Amino acid sequence: LADPGANRYLRVTMDLEVTGDKKPEEEITRKTSQLRDTILMILPTKKFADIVSTEGKTALREELIGALNALLTASKVSRIYFKEFVIQ
């Protein structure tokens, strides 16, 4: 995490709910590297205080959805489900 002077890290796993007119899993599979890179560029910019609260996690979820949808054309991420969210 981006907290100055602190050695904190975030471990997160998530599921994406994706919708689309055609087969959205094909676009997701094709763009997995780009989607993963986008997520990994956003997460380290967050500070502990930004994501520790429920409101912070909701804001992070919305930011991720917007960034991922900017990469997709035939499908859209409609929801992100955090399966694991550990900050140390």
N, C-alpha and C. Protein backbone atom coordinates (compact mmCIF):
# COMPACT_ATOMS: atom_id res chain seq x y z
N LEU A 1 0.83 -1.19 0.00
CA LEU A 1 0.00 0.00 0.00
C LEU A 1 0.87 1.25 0.00
N ALA A 2 0.29 2.36 -0.31
CA ALA A 2 1.04 3.60 -0.52
C ALA A 2 1.26 4.41 0.75
N ASP A 3 1.14 3.79 1.92
CA ASP A 3 1.37 4.52 3.17
C ASP A 3 2.85 4.79 3.33
N PRO A 4 3.26 6.07 3.45
CA PRO A 4 4.67 6.37 3.60
C PRO A 4 5.20 5.83 4.94
N GLY A 5 6.35 5.20 4.89
CA GLY A 5 7.00 4.70 6.09
C GLY A 5 6.39 3.45 6.68
N ALA A 6 5.39 2.91 6.08
CA ALA A 6 4.74 1.71 6.61
C ALA A 6 4.95 0.56 5.63
N ASN A 7 5.13 -0.60 6.18
CA ASN A 7 5.28 -1.80 5.35
C ASN A 7 3.97 -2.58 5.38
N ARG A 8 2.99 -2.05 4.75
CA ARG A 8 1.68 -2.71 4.67
C ARG A 8 1.51 -3.31 3.29
N TYR A 9 0.77 -4.41 3.27
CA TYR A 9 0.42 -4.96 1.98
C TYR A 9 -1.03 -5.40 1.99
N LEU A 10 -1.56 -5.52 0.80
CA LEU A 10 -2.94 -5.90 0.61
C LEU A 10 -2.97 -7.20 -0.18
N ARG A 11 -3.73 -8.14 0.32
CA ARG A 11 -3.97 -9.37 -0.42
C ARG A 11 -5.47 -9.41 -0.70
N VAL A 12 -5.80 -9.45 -1.98
CA VAL A 12 -7.21 -9.43 -2.36
C VAL A 12 -7.45 -10.45 -3.48
N THR A 13 -8.54 -11.17 -3.35
CA THR A 13 -9.01 -12.00 -4.45
C THR A 13 -10.45 -11.58 -4.72
N MET A 14 -10.82 -11.64 -5.97
CA MET A 14 -12.14 -11.16 -6.34
C MET A 14 -12.71 -11.96 -7.49
N ASP A 15 -14.00 -11.95 -7.58
CA ASP A 15 -14.72 -12.50 -8.73
C ASP A 15 -15.37 -11.33 -9.45
N LEU A 16 -15.41 -11.42 -10.77
CA LEU A 16 -16.06 -10.40 -11.58
C LEU A 16 -17.36 -10.96 -12.13
N GLU A 17 -18.41 -10.18 -12.01
CA GLU A 17 -19.66 -10.52 -12.69
C GLU A 17 -19.67 -9.72 -13.98
N VAL A 18 -19.74 -10.44 -15.09
CA VAL A 18 -19.59 -9.81 -16.40
C VAL A 18 -20.83 -10.10 -17.23
N THR A 19 -21.31 -9.08 -17.92
CA THR A 19 -22.46 -9.22 -18.81
C THR A 19 -22.06 -8.79 -20.21
N GLY A 20 -22.81 -9.25 -21.19
CA GLY A 20 -22.55 -8.87 -22.56
C GLY A 20 -23.52 -9.56 -23.50
N ASP A 21 -23.70 -8.98 -24.68
CA ASP A 21 -24.61 -9.54 -25.68
C ASP A 21 -24.06 -10.84 -26.26
N LYS A 22 -22.76 -10.86 -26.45
CA LYS A 22 -22.13 -12.05 -27.01
C LYS A 22 -21.50 -12.81 -25.86
N LYS A 23 -20.56 -13.65 -26.13
CA LYS A 23 -19.91 -14.45 -25.10
C LYS A 23 -18.87 -13.61 -24.36
N PRO A 24 -19.23 -13.06 -23.18
CA PRO A 24 -18.31 -12.18 -22.48
C PRO A 24 -17.04 -12.90 -22.01
N GLU A 25 -17.13 -14.21 -21.75
CA GLU A 25 -15.95 -14.92 -21.27
C GLU A 25 -14.83 -14.93 -22.30
N GLU A 26 -15.17 -14.86 -23.59
CA GLU A 26 -14.14 -14.81 -24.62
C GLU A 26 -13.35 -13.51 -24.54
N GLU A 27 -14.03 -12.38 -24.39
CA GLU A 27 -13.33 -11.10 -24.28
C GLU A 27 -12.52 -11.05 -22.99
N ILE A 28 -13.07 -11.54 -21.90
CA ILE A 28 -12.35 -11.54 -20.63
C ILE A 28 -11.09 -12.39 -20.74
N THR A 29 -11.20 -13.55 -21.35
CA THR A 29 -10.03 -14.42 -21.52
C THR A 29 -8.98 -13.74 -22.39
N ARG A 30 -9.41 -13.11 -23.46
CA ARG A 30 -8.50 -12.44 -24.37
C ARG A 30 -7.79 -11.26 -23.72
N LYS A 31 -8.46 -10.60 -22.79
CA LYS A 31 -7.90 -9.39 -22.18
C LYS A 31 -7.49 -9.58 -20.72
N THR A 32 -7.31 -10.82 -20.30
CA THR A 32 -6.97 -11.09 -18.90
C THR A 32 -5.72 -10.34 -18.46
N SER A 33 -4.68 -10.33 -19.27
CA SER A 33 -3.44 -9.65 -18.89
C SER A 33 -3.66 -8.15 -18.70
N GLN A 34 -4.42 -7.54 -19.59
CA GLN A 34 -4.69 -6.11 -19.48
C GLN A 34 -5.54 -5.81 -18.24
N LEU A 35 -6.53 -6.64 -18.00
CA LEU A 35 -7.41 -6.43 -16.84
C LEU A 35 -6.62 -6.58 -15.54
N ARG A 36 -5.80 -7.62 -15.47
CA ARG A 36 -4.99 -7.84 -14.28
C ARG A 36 -4.01 -6.69 -14.06
N ASP A 37 -3.38 -6.23 -15.14
CA ASP A 37 -2.44 -5.12 -15.03
C ASP A 37 -3.14 -3.86 -14.51
N THR A 38 -4.33 -3.61 -15.00
CA THR A 38 -5.08 -2.44 -14.55
C THR A 38 -5.37 -2.51 -13.05
N ILE A 39 -5.78 -3.68 -12.60
CA ILE A 39 -6.05 -3.87 -11.16
C ILE A 39 -4.77 -3.66 -10.36
N LEU A 40 -3.67 -4.22 -10.84
CA LEU A 40 -2.41 -4.13 -10.11
C LEU A 40 -1.79 -2.73 -10.16
N MET A 41 -2.21 -1.91 -11.08
CA MET A 41 -1.75 -0.52 -11.11
C MET A 41 -2.56 0.35 -10.15
N ILE A 42 -3.80 -0.02 -9.89
CA ILE A 42 -4.66 0.76 -9.00
C ILE A 42 -4.41 0.41 -7.53
N LEU A 43 -4.35 -0.85 -7.20
CA LEU A 43 -4.27 -1.26 -5.79
C LEU A 43 -3.10 -0.65 -5.02
N PRO A 44 -1.89 -0.61 -5.58
CA PRO A 44 -0.77 -0.06 -4.80
C PRO A 44 -0.83 1.46 -4.57
N THR A 45 -1.76 2.12 -5.22
CA THR A 45 -1.88 3.57 -5.02
C THR A 45 -2.72 3.90 -3.79
N LYS A 46 -3.36 2.90 -3.22
CA LYS A 46 -4.28 3.12 -2.10
C LYS A 46 -3.53 3.12 -0.77
N LYS A 47 -4.01 3.94 0.14
CA LYS A 47 -3.49 3.97 1.51
C LYS A 47 -4.43 3.17 2.40
N PHE A 48 -3.91 2.73 3.52
CA PHE A 48 -4.68 1.96 4.48
C PHE A 48 -5.99 2.66 4.81
N ALA A 49 -5.91 3.95 5.09
CA ALA A 49 -7.10 4.72 5.47
C ALA A 49 -8.13 4.78 4.34
N ASP A 50 -7.67 4.65 3.09
CA ASP A 50 -8.58 4.71 1.95
C ASP A 50 -9.47 3.48 1.85
N ILE A 51 -8.97 2.32 2.31
CA ILE A 51 -9.67 1.07 2.03
C ILE A 51 -10.06 0.28 3.27
N VAL A 52 -9.80 0.80 4.44
CA VAL A 52 -10.09 0.03 5.66
C VAL A 52 -11.59 0.01 5.98
N SER A 53 -12.30 1.03 5.60
CA SER A 53 -13.73 1.11 5.92
C SER A 53 -14.57 0.48 4.82
N THR A 54 -15.82 0.22 5.15
CA THR A 54 -16.76 -0.29 4.15
C THR A 54 -16.92 0.69 3.00
N GLU A 55 -16.98 1.98 3.32
CA GLU A 55 -17.10 3.00 2.28
C GLU A 55 -15.88 3.01 1.38
N GLY A 56 -14.71 2.81 1.96
CA GLY A 56 -13.48 2.77 1.17
C GLY A 56 -13.45 1.58 0.23
N LYS A 57 -13.89 0.44 0.72
CA LYS A 57 -13.94 -0.76 -0.13
C LYS A 57 -14.95 -0.57 -1.26
N THR A 58 -16.06 0.07 -0.96
CA THR A 58 -17.08 0.33 -1.99
C THR A 58 -16.52 1.28 -3.05
N ALA A 59 -15.80 2.32 -2.61
CA ALA A 59 -15.19 3.26 -3.56
C ALA A 59 -14.14 2.56 -4.41
N LEU A 60 -13.36 1.68 -3.81
CA LEU A 60 -12.36 0.92 -4.56
C LEU A 60 -13.05 0.03 -5.59
N ARG A 61 -14.11 -0.63 -5.19
CA ARG A 61 -14.87 -1.49 -6.10
C ARG A 61 -15.36 -0.68 -7.31
N GLU A 62 -15.92 0.49 -7.06
CA GLU A 62 -16.43 1.33 -8.15
C GLU A 62 -15.31 1.81 -9.06
N GLU A 63 -14.17 2.17 -8.47
CA GLU A 63 -13.02 2.60 -9.28
C GLU A 63 -12.53 1.46 -10.17
N LEU A 64 -12.45 0.27 -9.61
CA LEU A 64 -12.00 -0.88 -10.39
C LEU A 64 -12.98 -1.20 -11.52
N ILE A 65 -14.27 -1.17 -11.23
CA ILE A 65 -15.27 -1.44 -12.26
C ILE A 65 -15.13 -0.44 -13.41
N GLY A 66 -14.98 0.82 -13.09
CA GLY A 66 -14.82 1.85 -14.13
C GLY A 66 -13.58 1.63 -14.97
N ALA A 67 -12.47 1.30 -14.32
CA ALA A 67 -11.22 1.10 -15.04
C ALA A 67 -11.28 -0.15 -15.92
N LEU A 68 -11.87 -1.21 -15.42
CA LEU A 68 -11.97 -2.44 -16.20
C LEU A 68 -12.93 -2.27 -17.38
N ASN A 69 -14.03 -1.58 -17.16
CA ASN A 69 -14.98 -1.36 -18.24
C ASN A 69 -14.41 -0.49 -19.35
N ALA A 70 -13.44 0.36 -19.02
CA ALA A 70 -12.78 1.18 -20.04
C ALA A 70 -11.99 0.32 -21.02
N LEU A 71 -11.62 -0.89 -20.61
CA LEU A 71 -10.86 -1.80 -21.47
C LEU A 71 -11.75 -2.73 -22.30
N LEU A 72 -12.99 -2.87 -21.88
CA LEU A 72 -13.88 -3.84 -22.52
C LEU A 72 -14.78 -3.16 -23.54
N THR A 73 -15.10 -3.88 -24.61
CA THR A 73 -15.97 -3.32 -25.64
C THR A 73 -17.27 -4.10 -25.79
N ALA A 74 -17.19 -5.43 -25.81
CA ALA A 74 -18.37 -6.26 -26.03
C ALA A 74 -19.03 -6.72 -24.74
N SER A 75 -18.40 -6.46 -23.62
CA SER A 75 -18.94 -6.88 -22.33
C SER A 75 -18.64 -5.81 -21.29
N LYS A 76 -19.27 -5.96 -20.14
CA LYS A 76 -19.08 -4.99 -19.06
C LYS A 76 -19.02 -5.72 -17.73
N VAL A 77 -18.17 -5.22 -16.84
CA VAL A 77 -18.14 -5.72 -15.46
C VAL A 77 -19.28 -5.02 -14.75
N SER A 78 -20.23 -5.80 -14.26
CA SER A 78 -21.37 -5.20 -13.56
C SER A 78 -21.18 -5.21 -12.05
N ARG A 79 -20.33 -6.11 -11.56
CA ARG A 79 -20.14 -6.22 -10.11
C ARG A 79 -18.81 -6.89 -9.83
N ILE A 80 -18.18 -6.48 -8.75
CA ILE A 80 -16.98 -7.14 -8.24
C ILE A 80 -17.32 -7.67 -6.86
N TYR A 81 -16.99 -8.92 -6.64
CA TYR A 81 -17.19 -9.55 -5.33
C TYR A 81 -15.82 -9.82 -4.73
N PHE A 82 -15.52 -9.19 -3.60
CA PHE A 82 -14.27 -9.46 -2.91
C PHE A 82 -14.42 -10.78 -2.16
N LYS A 83 -13.57 -11.74 -2.48
CA LYS A 83 -13.60 -13.03 -1.81
C LYS A 83 -12.63 -13.05 -0.64
N GLU A 84 -11.58 -12.28 -0.76
CA GLU A 84 -10.57 -12.16 0.29
C GLU A 84 -10.08 -10.72 0.26
N PHE A 85 -9.93 -10.12 1.43
CA PHE A 85 -9.48 -8.74 1.52
C PHE A 85 -8.71 -8.62 2.83
N VAL A 86 -7.39 -8.82 2.77
CA VAL A 86 -6.56 -8.85 3.96
C VAL A 86 -5.51 -7.74 3.86
N ILE A 87 -5.47 -6.92 4.88
CA ILE A 87 -4.46 -5.86 4.95
C ILE A 87 -3.55 -6.17 6.13
N GLN A 88 -2.26 -6.19 5.90
CA GLN A 88 -1.30 -6.38 6.98
C GLN A 88 -0.27 -5.29 6.95
